Amino acid sequence: MCLLLSCLISNLFGATINLVWDANPAAQNVTGYQPYRSTTSGSGYVPIGAPVIVTSFSDTVADNGTTYYYVVKALRGTEESGFSNEFSFTAPLPPLTAPTNLRLQP
């Protein structure tokens, strides 16, 4: 089982969600991991990016204000594990800025 954690780096054009997980010590000869994402809890997961050989992944196409549900599968050659536990995260909207240049209209 993978245990997902997350942190966020936000900017005006979108969000980067950095996922990390723990490798299962009982899994032997793991060759990589495939992260999946959905906007629906419990279903609709689609692979994001190519499989990785490390226990982390940066989702750089996340939209601010959207809740994402993440899971990961371990890979061994052509074999795939079941899904990890699900982790959800809502990428925050950028700070709301005050209007500027207030003046009297003649």
PDB file of N, CA and C in Angstrom:
ATOM      1  N   MET A   1       0.855  -1.179   0.000  1.00  0.00           N
ATOM      2  CA  MET A   1       0.000   0.000   0.000  1.00  0.00           C
ATOM      3  C   MET A   1       0.886   1.223   0.000  1.00  0.00           C
ATOM      4  N   CYS A   2       0.467   2.223  -0.717  1.00  0.00           N
ATOM      5  CA  CYS A   2       1.182   3.501  -0.730  1.00  0.00           C
ATOM      6  C   CYS A   2       0.444   4.474   0.172  1.00  0.00           C
ATOM      7  N   LEU A   3       1.175   5.274   0.853  1.00  0.00           N
ATOM      8  CA  LEU A   3       0.594   6.312   1.693  1.00  0.00           C
ATOM      9  C   LEU A   3       0.936   7.641   1.053  1.00  0.00           C
ATOM     10  N   LEU A   4      -0.078   8.396   0.633  1.00  0.00           N
ATOM     11  CA  LEU A   4       0.170   9.633  -0.086  1.00  0.00           C
ATOM     12  C   LEU A   4       0.192  10.832   0.846  1.00  0.00           C
ATOM     13  N   LEU A   5       1.091  11.743   0.538  1.00  0.00           N
ATOM     14  CA  LEU A   5       1.185  13.027   1.230  1.00  0.00           C
ATOM     15  C   LEU A   5       1.243  14.093   0.149  1.00  0.00           C
ATOM     16  N   SER A   6       1.002  15.323   0.486  1.00  0.00           N
ATOM     17  CA  SER A   6       1.049  16.346  -0.551  1.00  0.00           C
ATOM     18  C   SER A   6       1.486  17.677   0.008  1.00  0.00           C
ATOM     19  N   CYS A   7       2.081  18.480  -0.862  1.00  0.00           N
ATOM     20  CA  CYS A   7       2.323  19.878  -0.580  1.00  0.00           C
ATOM     21  C   CYS A   7       2.026  20.639  -1.859  1.00  0.00           C
ATOM     22  N   LEU A   8       1.895  21.935  -1.763  1.00  0.00           N
ATOM     23  CA  LEU A   8       1.462  22.726  -2.906  1.00  0.00           C
ATOM     24  C   LEU A   8       2.345  23.933  -3.102  1.00  0.00           C
ATOM     25  N   ILE A   9       2.679  24.170  -4.347  1.00  0.00           N
ATOM     26  CA  ILE A   9       3.310  25.420  -4.736  1.00  0.00           C
ATOM     27  C   ILE A   9       2.339  26.067  -5.709  1.00  0.00           C
ATOM     28  N   SER A  10       1.767  27.208  -5.352  1.00  0.00           N
ATOM     29  CA  SER A  10       0.743  27.843  -6.169  1.00  0.00           C
ATOM     30  C   SER A  10       1.318  29.040  -6.903  1.00  0.00           C
ATOM     31  N   ASN A  11       0.791  29.287  -8.102  1.00  0.00           N
ATOM     32  CA  ASN A  11       1.160  30.495  -8.825  1.00  0.00           C
ATOM     33  C   ASN A  11      -0.063  31.017  -9.557  1.00  0.00           C
ATOM     34  N   LEU A  12       0.073  32.111 -10.246  1.00  0.00           N
ATOM     35  CA  LEU A  12      -1.077  32.736 -10.891  1.00  0.00           C
ATOM     36  C   LEU A  12      -1.597  31.948 -12.082  1.00  0.00           C
ATOM     37  N   PHE A  13      -0.798  31.062 -12.641  1.00  0.00           N
ATOM     38  CA  PHE A  13      -1.194  30.342 -13.849  1.00  0.00           C
ATOM     39  C   PHE A  13      -1.656  28.922 -13.578  1.00  0.00           C
ATOM     40  N   GLY A  14      -1.616  28.478 -12.381  1.00  0.00           N
ATOM     41  CA  GLY A  14      -2.004  27.119 -12.053  1.00  0.00           C
ATOM     42  C   GLY A  14      -1.303  26.675 -10.782  1.00  0.00           C
ATOM     43  N   ALA A  15      -1.397  25.404 -10.498  1.00  0.00           N
ATOM     44  CA  ALA A  15      -0.819  24.874  -9.269  1.00  0.00           C
ATOM     45  C   ALA A  15       0.034  23.668  -9.595  1.00  0.00           C
ATOM     46  N   THR A  16       1.042  23.456  -8.800  1.00  0.00           N
ATOM     47  CA  THR A  16       1.821  22.229  -8.852  1.00  0.00           C
ATOM     48  C   THR A  16       1.542  21.479  -7.563  1.00  0.00           C
ATOM     49  N   ILE A  17       1.078  20.253  -7.681  1.00  0.00           N
ATOM     50  CA  ILE A  17       0.802  19.427  -6.517  1.00  0.00           C
ATOM     51  C   ILE A  17       1.862  18.336  -6.487  1.00  0.00           C
ATOM     52  N   ASN A  18       2.687  18.368  -5.448  1.00  0.00           N
ATOM     53  CA  ASN A  18       3.790  17.415  -5.313  1.00  0.00           C
ATOM     54  C   ASN A  18       3.353  16.273  -4.418  1.00  0.00           C
ATOM     55  N   LEU A  19       3.274  15.093  -4.992  1.00  0.00           N
ATOM     56  CA  LEU A  19       2.852  13.903  -4.260  1.00  0.00           C
ATOM     57  C   LEU A  19       4.061  13.064  -3.878  1.00  0.00           C
ATOM     58  N   VAL A  20       4.039  12.518  -2.696  1.00  0.00           N
ATOM     59  CA  VAL A  20       5.049  11.543  -2.264  1.00  0.00           C
ATOM     60  C   VAL A  20       4.326  10.393  -1.582  1.00  0.00           C
ATOM     61  N   TRP A  21       4.909   9.213  -1.647  1.00  0.00           N
ATOM     62  CA  TRP A  21       4.307   8.041  -1.011  1.00  0.00           C
ATOM     63  C   TRP A  21       5.408   7.131  -0.511  1.00  0.00           C
ATOM     64  N   ASP A  22       5.020   6.200   0.334  1.00  0.00           N
ATOM     65  CA  ASP A  22       5.956   5.226   0.881  1.00  0.00           C
ATOM     66  C   ASP A  22       5.843   3.932   0.097  1.00  0.00           C
ATOM     67  N   ALA A  23       6.978   3.383  -0.280  1.00  0.00           N
ATOM     68  CA  ALA A  23       6.980   2.074  -0.928  1.00  0.00           C
ATOM     69  C   ALA A  23       6.581   1.026   0.092  1.00  0.00           C
ATOM     70  N   ASN A  24       5.851   0.038  -0.347  1.00  0.00           N
ATOM     71  CA  ASN A  24       5.457  -1.060   0.530  1.00  0.00           C
ATOM     72  C   ASN A  24       6.654  -1.992   0.697  1.00  0.00           C
ATOM     73  N   PRO A  25       7.152  -2.181   1.920  1.00  0.00           N
ATOM     74  CA  PRO A  25       8.325  -3.034   2.096  1.00  0.00           C
ATOM     75  C   PRO A  25       8.070  -4.494   1.726  1.00  0.00           C
ATOM     76  N   ALA A  26       6.810  -4.904   1.682  1.00  0.00           N
ATOM     77  CA  ALA A  26       6.494  -6.294   1.307  1.00  0.00           C
ATOM     78  C   ALA A  26       6.535  -6.502  -0.201  1.00  0.00           C
ATOM     79  N   ALA A  27       6.469  -5.426  -0.974  1.00  0.00           N
ATOM     80  CA  ALA A  27       6.503  -5.542  -2.436  1.00  0.00           C
ATOM     81  C   ALA A  27       7.947  -5.727  -2.891  1.00  0.00           C
ATOM     82  N   GLN A  28       8.183  -6.784  -3.651  1.00  0.00           N
ATOM     83  CA  GLN A  28       9.543  -7.078  -4.104  1.00  0.00           C
ATOM     84  C   GLN A  28       9.681  -6.807  -5.593  1.00  0.00           C
ATOM     85  N   ASN A  29      10.875  -6.366  -5.992  1.00  0.00           N
ATOM     86  CA  ASN A  29      11.215  -6.142  -7.397  1.00  0.00           C
ATOM     87  C   ASN A  29      10.306  -5.129  -8.087  1.00  0.00           C
ATOM     88  N   VAL A  30       9.878  -4.116  -7.367  1.00  0.00           N
ATOM     89  CA  VAL A  30       9.066  -3.056  -7.965  1.00  0.00           C
ATOM     90  C   VAL A  30       9.948  -2.302  -8.956  1.00  0.00           C
ATOM     91  N   THR A  31       9.427  -2.092 -10.174  1.00  0.00           N
ATOM     92  CA  THR A  31      10.195  -1.399 -11.209  1.00  0.00           C
ATOM     93  C   THR A  31       9.744   0.045 -11.412  1.00  0.00           C
ATOM     94  N   GLY A  32       8.636   0.434 -10.792  1.00  0.00           N
ATOM     95  CA  GLY A  32       8.167   1.800 -10.933  1.00  0.00           C
ATOM     96  C   GLY A  32       6.796   1.993 -10.321  1.00  0.00           C
ATOM     97  N   TYR A  33       6.259   3.182 -10.510  1.00  0.00           N
ATOM     98  CA  TYR A  33       4.951   3.559  -9.974  1.00  0.00           C
ATOM     99  C   TYR A  33       4.210   4.375 -11.021  1.00  0.00           C
ATOM    100  N   GLN A  34       2.891   4.188 -11.074  1.00  0.00           N
ATOM    101  CA  GLN A  34       2.063   4.975 -11.979  1.00  0.00           C
ATOM    102  C   GLN A  34       1.059   5.775 -11.164  1.00  0.00           C
ATOM    103  N   PRO A  35       1.190   7.097 -11.154  1.00  0.00           N
ATOM    104  CA  PRO A  35       0.189   7.936 -10.487  1.00  0.00           C
ATOM    105  C   PRO A  35      -1.063   8.072 -11.352  1.00  0.00           C
ATOM    106  N   TYR A  36      -2.206   8.181 -10.688  1.00  0.00           N
ATOM    107  CA  TYR A  36      -3.498   8.373 -11.348  1.00  0.00           C
ATOM    108  C   TYR A  36      -4.205   9.540 -10.678  1.00  0.00           C
ATOM    109  N   ARG A  37      -5.093  10.191 -11.432  1.00  0.00           N
ATOM    110  CA  ARG A  37      -5.836  11.330 -10.908  1.00  0.00           C
ATOM    111  C   ARG A  37      -7.272  11.274 -11.407  1.00  0.00           C
ATOM    112  N   SER A  38      -8.185  11.791 -10.588  1.00  0.00           N
ATOM    113  CA  SER A  38      -9.588  11.910 -10.962  1.00  0.00           C
ATOM    114  C   SER A  38     -10.152  13.166 -10.309  1.00  0.00           C
ATOM    115  N   THR A  39     -11.268  13.642 -10.835  1.00  0.00           N
ATOM    116  CA  THR A  39     -11.989  14.715 -10.154  1.00  0.00           C
ATOM    117  C   THR A  39     -13.217  14.162  -9.444  1.00  0.00           C
ATOM    118  N   THR A  40     -13.330  12.820  -9.414  1.00  0.00           N
ATOM    119  CA  THR A  40     -14.414  12.125  -8.733  1.00  0.00           C
ATOM    120  C   THR A  40     -13.822  11.157  -7.721  1.00  0.00           C
ATOM    121  N   SER A  41     -14.248  11.231  -6.485  1.00  0.00           N
ATOM    122  CA  SER A  41     -13.737  10.334  -5.459  1.00  0.00           C
ATOM    123  C   SER A  41     -14.145   8.890  -5.745  1.00  0.00           C
ATOM    124  N   GLY A  42     -13.172   7.983  -5.706  1.00  0.00           N
ATOM    125  CA  GLY A  42     -13.449   6.558  -5.813  1.00  0.00           C
ATOM    126  C   GLY A  42     -13.556   5.996  -7.210  1.00  0.00           C
ATOM    127  N   SER A  43     -13.493   6.834  -8.245  1.00  0.00           N
ATOM    128  CA  SER A  43     -13.604   6.297  -9.612  1.00  0.00           C
ATOM    129  C   SER A  43     -13.059   7.304 -10.614  1.00  0.00           C
ATOM    130  N   GLY A  44     -12.978   6.853 -11.861  1.00  0.00           N
ATOM    131  CA  GLY A  44     -12.575   7.737 -12.945  1.00  0.00           C
ATOM    132  C   GLY A  44     -11.104   8.074 -12.993  1.00  0.00           C
ATOM    133  N   TYR A  45     -10.271   7.275 -12.338  1.00  0.00           N
ATOM    134  CA  TYR A  45      -8.840   7.558 -12.312  1.00  0.00           C
ATOM    135  C   TYR A  45      -8.223   7.368 -13.701  1.00  0.00           C
ATOM    136  N   VAL A  46      -7.394   8.325 -14.100  1.00  0.00           N
ATOM    137  CA  VAL A  46      -6.647   8.213 -15.347  1.00  0.00           C
ATOM    138  C   VAL A  46      -5.170   8.417 -15.035  1.00  0.00           C
ATOM    139  N   PRO A  47      -4.297   7.695 -15.754  1.00  0.00           N
ATOM    140  CA  PRO A  47      -2.866   7.870 -15.508  1.00  0.00           C
ATOM    141  C   PRO A  47      -2.443   9.308 -15.802  1.00  0.00           C
ATOM    142  N   ILE A  48      -1.556   9.828 -14.985  1.00  0.00           N
ATOM    143  CA  ILE A  48      -0.995  11.150 -15.249  1.00  0.00           C
ATOM    144  C   ILE A  48       0.510  10.991 -15.418  1.00  0.00           C
ATOM    145  N   GLY A  49       0.988  11.395 -16.555  1.00  0.00           N
ATOM    146  CA  GLY A  49       2.411  11.273 -16.835  1.00  0.00           C
ATOM    147  C   GLY A  49       2.833   9.834 -17.069  1.00  0.00           C
ATOM    148  N   ALA A  50       4.093   9.688 -17.340  1.00  0.00           N
ATOM    149  CA  ALA A  50       4.683   8.363 -17.535  1.00  0.00           C
ATOM    150  C   ALA A  50       4.992   7.764 -16.164  1.00  0.00           C
ATOM    151  N   PRO A  51       5.099   6.439 -16.088  1.00  0.00           N
ATOM    152  CA  PRO A  51       5.499   5.828 -14.813  1.00  0.00           C
ATOM    153  C   PRO A  51       6.824   6.416 -14.317  1.00  0.00           C
ATOM    154  N   VAL A  52       6.962   6.458 -13.013  1.00  0.00           N
ATOM    155  CA  VAL A  52       8.179   6.985 -12.387  1.00  0.00           C
ATOM    156  C   VAL A  52       8.855   5.882 -11.597  1.00  0.00           C
ATOM    157  N   ILE A  53      10.171   6.007 -11.399  1.00  0.00           N
ATOM    158  CA  ILE A  53      10.888   4.983 -10.624  1.00  0.00           C
ATOM    159  C   ILE A  53      11.148   5.442  -9.197  1.00  0.00           C
ATOM    160  N   VAL A  54      10.775   6.676  -8.893  1.00  0.00           N
ATOM    161  CA  VAL A  54      10.930   7.223  -7.544  1.00  0.00           C
ATOM    162  C   VAL A  54       9.556   7.277  -6.880  1.00  0.00           C
ATOM    163  N   THR A  55       9.523   7.543  -5.584  1.00  0.00           N
ATOM    164  CA  THR A  55       8.258   7.575  -4.846  1.00  0.00           C
ATOM    165  C   THR A  55       7.738   8.998  -4.706  1.00  0.00           C
ATOM    166  N   SER A  56       7.726   9.707  -5.835  1.00  0.00           N
ATOM    167  CA  SER A  56       7.186  11.061  -5.855  1.00  0.00           C
ATOM    168  C   SER A  56       6.776  11.418  -7.273  1.00  0.00           C
ATOM    169  N   PHE A  57       5.881  12.407  -7.368  1.00  0.00           N
ATOM    170  CA  PHE A  57       5.409  12.873  -8.669  1.00  0.00           C
ATOM    171  C   PHE A  57       4.890  14.290  -8.512  1.00  0.00           C
ATOM    172  N   SER A  58       5.168  15.156  -9.483  1.00  0.00           N
ATOM    173  CA  SER A  58       4.661  16.526  -9.486  1.00  0.00           C
ATOM    174  C   SER A  58       3.591  16.666 -10.549  1.00  0.00           C
ATOM    175  N   ASP A  59       2.373  16.952 -10.119  1.00  0.00           N
ATOM    176  CA  ASP A  59       1.265  17.196 -11.032  1.00  0.00           C
ATOM    177  C   ASP A  59       1.288  18.676 -11.371  1.00  0.00           C
ATOM    178  N   THR A  60       1.777  18.997 -12.558  1.00  0.00           N
ATOM    179  CA  THR A  60       1.964  20.394 -12.942  1.00  0.00           C
ATOM    180  C   THR A  60       0.811  20.943 -13.768  1.00  0.00           C
ATOM    181  N   VAL A  61      -0.196  20.141 -14.036  1.00  0.00           N
ATOM    182  CA  VAL A  61      -1.317  20.622 -14.842  1.00  0.00           C
ATOM    183  C   VAL A  61      -2.592  20.750 -14.007  1.00  0.00           C
ATOM    184  N   ALA A  62      -2.437  20.849 -12.709  1.00  0.00           N
ATOM    185  CA  ALA A  62      -3.595  21.020 -11.826  1.00  0.00           C
ATOM    186  C   ALA A  62      -4.161  22.424 -11.971  1.00  0.00           C
ATOM    187  N   ASP A  63      -5.473  22.526 -11.926  1.00  0.00           N
ATOM    188  CA  ASP A  63      -6.143  23.822 -11.992  1.00  0.00           C
ATOM    189  C   ASP A  63      -6.474  24.314 -10.592  1.00  0.00           C
ATOM    190  N   ASN A  64      -6.202  25.584 -10.342  1.00  0.00           N
ATOM    191  CA  ASN A  64      -6.553  26.177  -9.052  1.00  0.00           C
ATOM    192  C   ASN A  64      -8.055  26.094  -8.829  1.00  0.00           C
ATOM    193  N   GLY A  65      -8.459  25.789  -7.600  1.00  0.00           N
ATOM    194  CA  GLY A  65      -9.868  25.710  -7.239  1.00  0.00           C
ATOM    195  C   GLY A  65     -10.505  24.366  -7.512  1.00  0.00           C
ATOM    196  N   THR A  66      -9.767  23.425  -8.070  1.00  0.00           N
ATOM    197  CA  THR A  66     -10.295  22.102  -8.404  1.00  0.00           C
ATOM    198  C   THR A  66      -9.829  21.084  -7.374  1.00  0.00           C
ATOM    199  N   THR A  67     -10.729  20.189  -6.953  1.00  0.00           N
ATOM    200  CA  THR A  67     -10.353  19.093  -6.061  1.00  0.00           C
ATOM    201  C   THR A  67      -9.955  17.893  -6.901  1.00  0.00           C
ATOM    202  N   TYR A  68      -8.787  17.348  -6.615  1.00  0.00           N
ATOM    203  CA  TYR A  68      -8.279  16.171  -7.312  1.00  0.00           C
ATOM    204  C   TYR A  68      -8.163  15.011  -6.333  1.00  0.00           C
ATOM    205  N   TYR A  69      -8.382  13.807  -6.845  1.00  0.00           N
ATOM    206  CA  TYR A  69      -8.271  12.573  -6.072  1.00  0.00           C
ATOM    207  C   TYR A  69      -7.159  11.746  -6.712  1.00  0.00           C
ATOM    208  N   TYR A  70      -6.157  11.401  -5.915  1.00  0.00           N
ATOM    209  CA  TYR A  70      -4.979  10.718  -6.424  1.00  0.00           C
ATOM    210  C   TYR A  70      -4.866   9.314  -5.845  1.00  0.00           C
ATOM    211  N   VAL A  71      -4.375   8.397  -6.666  1.00  0.00           N
ATOM    212  CA  VAL A  71      -3.988   7.058  -6.245  1.00  0.00           C
ATOM    213  C   VAL A  71      -2.722   6.694  -7.018  1.00  0.00           C
ATOM    214  N   VAL A  72      -2.027   5.658  -6.575  1.00  0.00           N
ATOM    215  CA  VAL A  72      -0.805   5.197  -7.236  1.00  0.00           C
ATOM    216  C   VAL A  72      -0.855   3.679  -7.315  1.00  0.00           C
ATOM    217  N   LYS A  73      -0.304   3.132  -8.401  1.00  0.00           N
ATOM    218  CA  LYS A  73      -0.112   1.687  -8.528  1.00  0.00           C
ATOM    219  C   LYS A  73       1.384   1.407  -8.587  1.00  0.00           C
ATOM    220  N   ALA A  74       1.800   0.303  -7.949  1.00  0.00           N
ATOM    221  CA  ALA A  74       3.176  -0.166  -8.087  1.00  0.00           C
ATOM    222  C   ALA A  74       3.254  -1.020  -9.351  1.00  0.00           C
ATOM    223  N   LEU A  75       4.399  -0.980 -10.005  1.00  0.00           N
ATOM    224  CA  LEU A  75       4.607  -1.731 -11.241  1.00  0.00           C
ATOM    225  C   LEU A  75       5.776  -2.689 -11.090  1.00  0.00           C
ATOM    226  N   ARG A  76       5.647  -3.838 -11.734  1.00  0.00           N
ATOM    227  CA  ARG A  76       6.747  -4.807 -11.831  1.00  0.00           C
ATOM    228  C   ARG A  76       6.653  -5.414 -13.218  1.00  0.00           C
ATOM    229  N   GLY A  77       7.457  -4.890 -14.120  1.00  0.00           N
ATOM    230  CA  GLY A  77       7.361  -5.335 -15.512  1.00  0.00           C
ATOM    231  C   GLY A  77       5.994  -4.960 -16.062  1.00  0.00           C
ATOM    232  N   THR A  78       5.243  -5.987 -16.518  1.00  0.00           N
ATOM    233  CA  THR A  78       3.897  -5.726 -17.044  1.00  0.00           C
ATOM    234  C   THR A  78       2.825  -5.883 -15.973  1.00  0.00           C
ATOM    235  N   GLU A  79       3.210  -6.252 -14.753  1.00  0.00           N
ATOM    236  CA  GLU A  79       2.241  -6.414 -13.651  1.00  0.00           C
ATOM    237  C   GLU A  79       1.973  -5.069 -12.983  1.00  0.00           C
ATOM    238  N   GLU A  80       0.715  -4.901 -12.502  1.00  0.00           N
ATOM    239  CA  GLU A  80       0.331  -3.712 -11.738  1.00  0.00           C
ATOM    240  C   GLU A  80      -0.313  -4.134 -10.426  1.00  0.00           C
ATOM    241  N   SER A  81      -0.031  -3.398  -9.383  1.00  0.00           N
ATOM    242  CA  SER A  81      -0.709  -3.643  -8.108  1.00  0.00           C
ATOM    243  C   SER A  81      -2.113  -3.055  -8.183  1.00  0.00           C
ATOM    244  N   GLY A  82      -2.851  -3.229  -7.115  1.00  0.00           N
ATOM    245  CA  GLY A  82      -4.104  -2.503  -6.983  1.00  0.00           C
ATOM    246  C   GLY A  82      -3.795  -1.048  -6.676  1.00  0.00           C
ATOM    247  N   PHE A  83      -4.845  -0.241  -6.573  1.00  0.00           N
ATOM    248  CA  PHE A  83      -4.648   1.170  -6.243  1.00  0.00           C
ATOM    249  C   PHE A  83      -4.245   1.331  -4.784  1.00  0.00           C
ATOM    250  N   SER A  84      -3.452   2.370  -4.532  1.00  0.00           N
ATOM    251  CA  SER A  84      -3.127   2.770  -3.164  1.00  0.00           C
ATOM    252  C   SER A  84      -4.372   3.378  -2.524  1.00  0.00           C
ATOM    253  N   ASN A  85      -4.217   3.815  -1.294  1.00  0.00           N
ATOM    254  CA  ASN A  85      -5.272   4.627  -0.682  1.00  0.00           C
ATOM    255  C   ASN A  85      -5.439   5.901  -1.506  1.00  0.00           C
ATOM    256  N   GLU A  86      -6.612   6.484  -1.438  1.00  0.00           N
ATOM    257  CA  GLU A  86      -6.897   7.714  -2.175  1.00  0.00           C
ATOM    258  C   GLU A  86      -6.526   8.919  -1.328  1.00  0.00           C
ATOM    259  N   PHE A  87      -5.946   9.901  -1.967  1.00  0.00           N
ATOM    260  CA  PHE A  87      -5.620  11.159  -1.313  1.00  0.00           C
ATOM    261  C   PHE A  87      -6.258  12.282  -2.116  1.00  0.00           C
ATOM    262  N   SER A  88      -6.944  13.189  -1.448  1.00  0.00           N
ATOM    263  CA  SER A  88      -7.564  14.303  -2.168  1.00  0.00           C
ATOM    264  C   SER A  88      -6.920  15.614  -1.757  1.00  0.00           C
ATOM    265  N   PHE A  89      -6.937  16.538  -2.700  1.00  0.00           N
ATOM    266  CA  PHE A  89      -6.364  17.845  -2.436  1.00  0.00           C
ATOM    267  C   PHE A  89      -7.046  18.854  -3.332  1.00  0.00           C
ATOM    268  N   THR A  90      -7.385  20.019  -2.778  1.00  0.00           N
ATOM    269  CA  THR A  90      -7.947  21.104  -3.562  1.00  0.00           C
ATOM    270  C   THR A  90      -6.888  22.173  -3.740  1.00  0.00           C
ATOM    271  N   ALA A  91      -6.540  22.410  -4.985  1.00  0.00           N
ATOM    272  CA  ALA A  91      -5.562  23.450  -5.282  1.00  0.00           C
ATOM    273  C   ALA A  91      -6.222  24.807  -5.030  1.00  0.00           C
ATOM    274  N   PRO A  92      -5.680  25.603  -4.131  1.00  0.00           N
ATOM    275  CA  PRO A  92      -6.352  26.857  -3.789  1.00  0.00           C
ATOM    276  C   PRO A  92      -6.316  27.862  -4.932  1.00  0.00           C
ATOM    277  N   LEU A  93      -7.295  28.721  -4.934  1.00  0.00           N
ATOM    278  CA  LEU A  93      -7.303  29.825  -5.874  1.00  0.00           C
ATOM    279  C   LEU A  93      -6.238  30.826  -5.467  1.00  0.00           C
ATOM    280  N   PRO A  94      -5.677  31.557  -6.433  1.00  0.00           N
ATOM    281  CA  PRO A  94      -4.710  32.584  -6.040  1.00  0.00           C
ATOM    282  C   PRO A  94      -5.395  33.648  -5.194  1.00  0.00           C
ATOM    283  N   PRO A  95      -4.630  34.419  -4.426  1.00  0.00           N
ATOM    284  CA  PRO A  95      -5.229  35.457  -3.581  1.00  0.00           C
ATOM    285  C   PRO A  95      -6.027  36.452  -4.423  1.00  0.00           C
ATOM    286  N   LEU A  96      -7.133  36.879  -3.869  1.00  0.00           N
ATOM    287  CA  LEU A  96      -7.962  37.879  -4.529  1.00  0.00           C
ATOM    288  C   LEU A  96      -7.338  39.247  -4.270  1.00  0.00           C
ATOM    289  N   THR A  97      -7.061  39.972  -5.335  1.00  0.00           N
ATOM    290  CA  THR A  97      -6.432  41.281  -5.171  1.00  0.00           C
ATOM    291  C   THR A  97      -7.481  42.377  -5.263  1.00  0.00           C
ATOM    292  N   ALA A  98      -7.225  43.451  -4.582  1.00  0.00           N
ATOM    293  CA  ALA A  98      -8.157  44.584  -4.548  1.00  0.00           C
ATOM    294  C   ALA A  98      -8.114  45.343  -5.870  1.00  0.00           C
ATOM    295  N   PRO A  99      -9.232  45.944  -6.249  1.00  0.00           N
ATOM    296  CA  PRO A  99      -9.225  46.793  -7.441  1.00  0.00           C
ATOM    297  C   PRO A  99      -8.245  47.952  -7.252  1.00  0.00           C
ATOM    298  N   THR A 100      -7.792  48.507  -8.362  1.00  0.00           N
ATOM    299  CA  THR A 100      -6.849  49.622  -8.301  1.00  0.00           C
ATOM    300  C   THR A 100      -7.365  50.809  -9.097  1.00  0.00           C
ATOM    301  N   ASN A 101      -6.697  51.916  -8.935  1.00  0.00           N
ATOM    302  CA  ASN A 101      -6.955  53.125  -9.714  1.00  0.00           C
ATOM    303  C   ASN A 101      -8.380  53.657  -9.531  1.00  0.00           C
ATOM    304  N   LEU A 102      -8.859  53.672  -8.305  1.00  0.00           N
ATOM    305  CA  LEU A 102     -10.169  54.240  -8.005  1.00  0.00           C
ATOM    306  C   LEU A 102     -10.107  55.758  -8.193  1.00  0.00           C
ATOM    307  N   ARG A 103     -11.093  56.294  -8.922  1.00  0.00           N
ATOM    308  CA  ARG A 103     -11.078  57.736  -9.204  1.00  0.00           C
ATOM    309  C   ARG A 103     -12.497  58.213  -9.500  1.00  0.00           C
ATOM    310  N   LEU A 104     -12.669  59.497  -9.576  1.00  0.00           N
ATOM    311  CA  LEU A 104     -13.949  60.125  -9.901  1.00  0.00           C
ATOM    312  C   LEU A 104     -14.112  60.163 -11.410  1.00  0.00           C
ATOM    313  N   GLN A 105     -15.243  59.719 -11.888  1.00  0.00           N
ATOM    314  CA  GLN A 105     -15.533  59.769 -13.333  1.00  0.00           C
ATOM    315  C   GLN A 105     -16.201  61.111 -13.635  1.00  0.00           C
ATOM    316  N   PRO A 106     -15.598  61.979 -14.456  1.00  0.00           N
ATOM    317  CA  PRO A 106     -16.213  63.290 -14.737  1.00  0.00           C
ATOM    318  C   PRO A 106     -17.483  63.150 -15.580  1.00  0.00           C
TER     319      PRO A 106
END
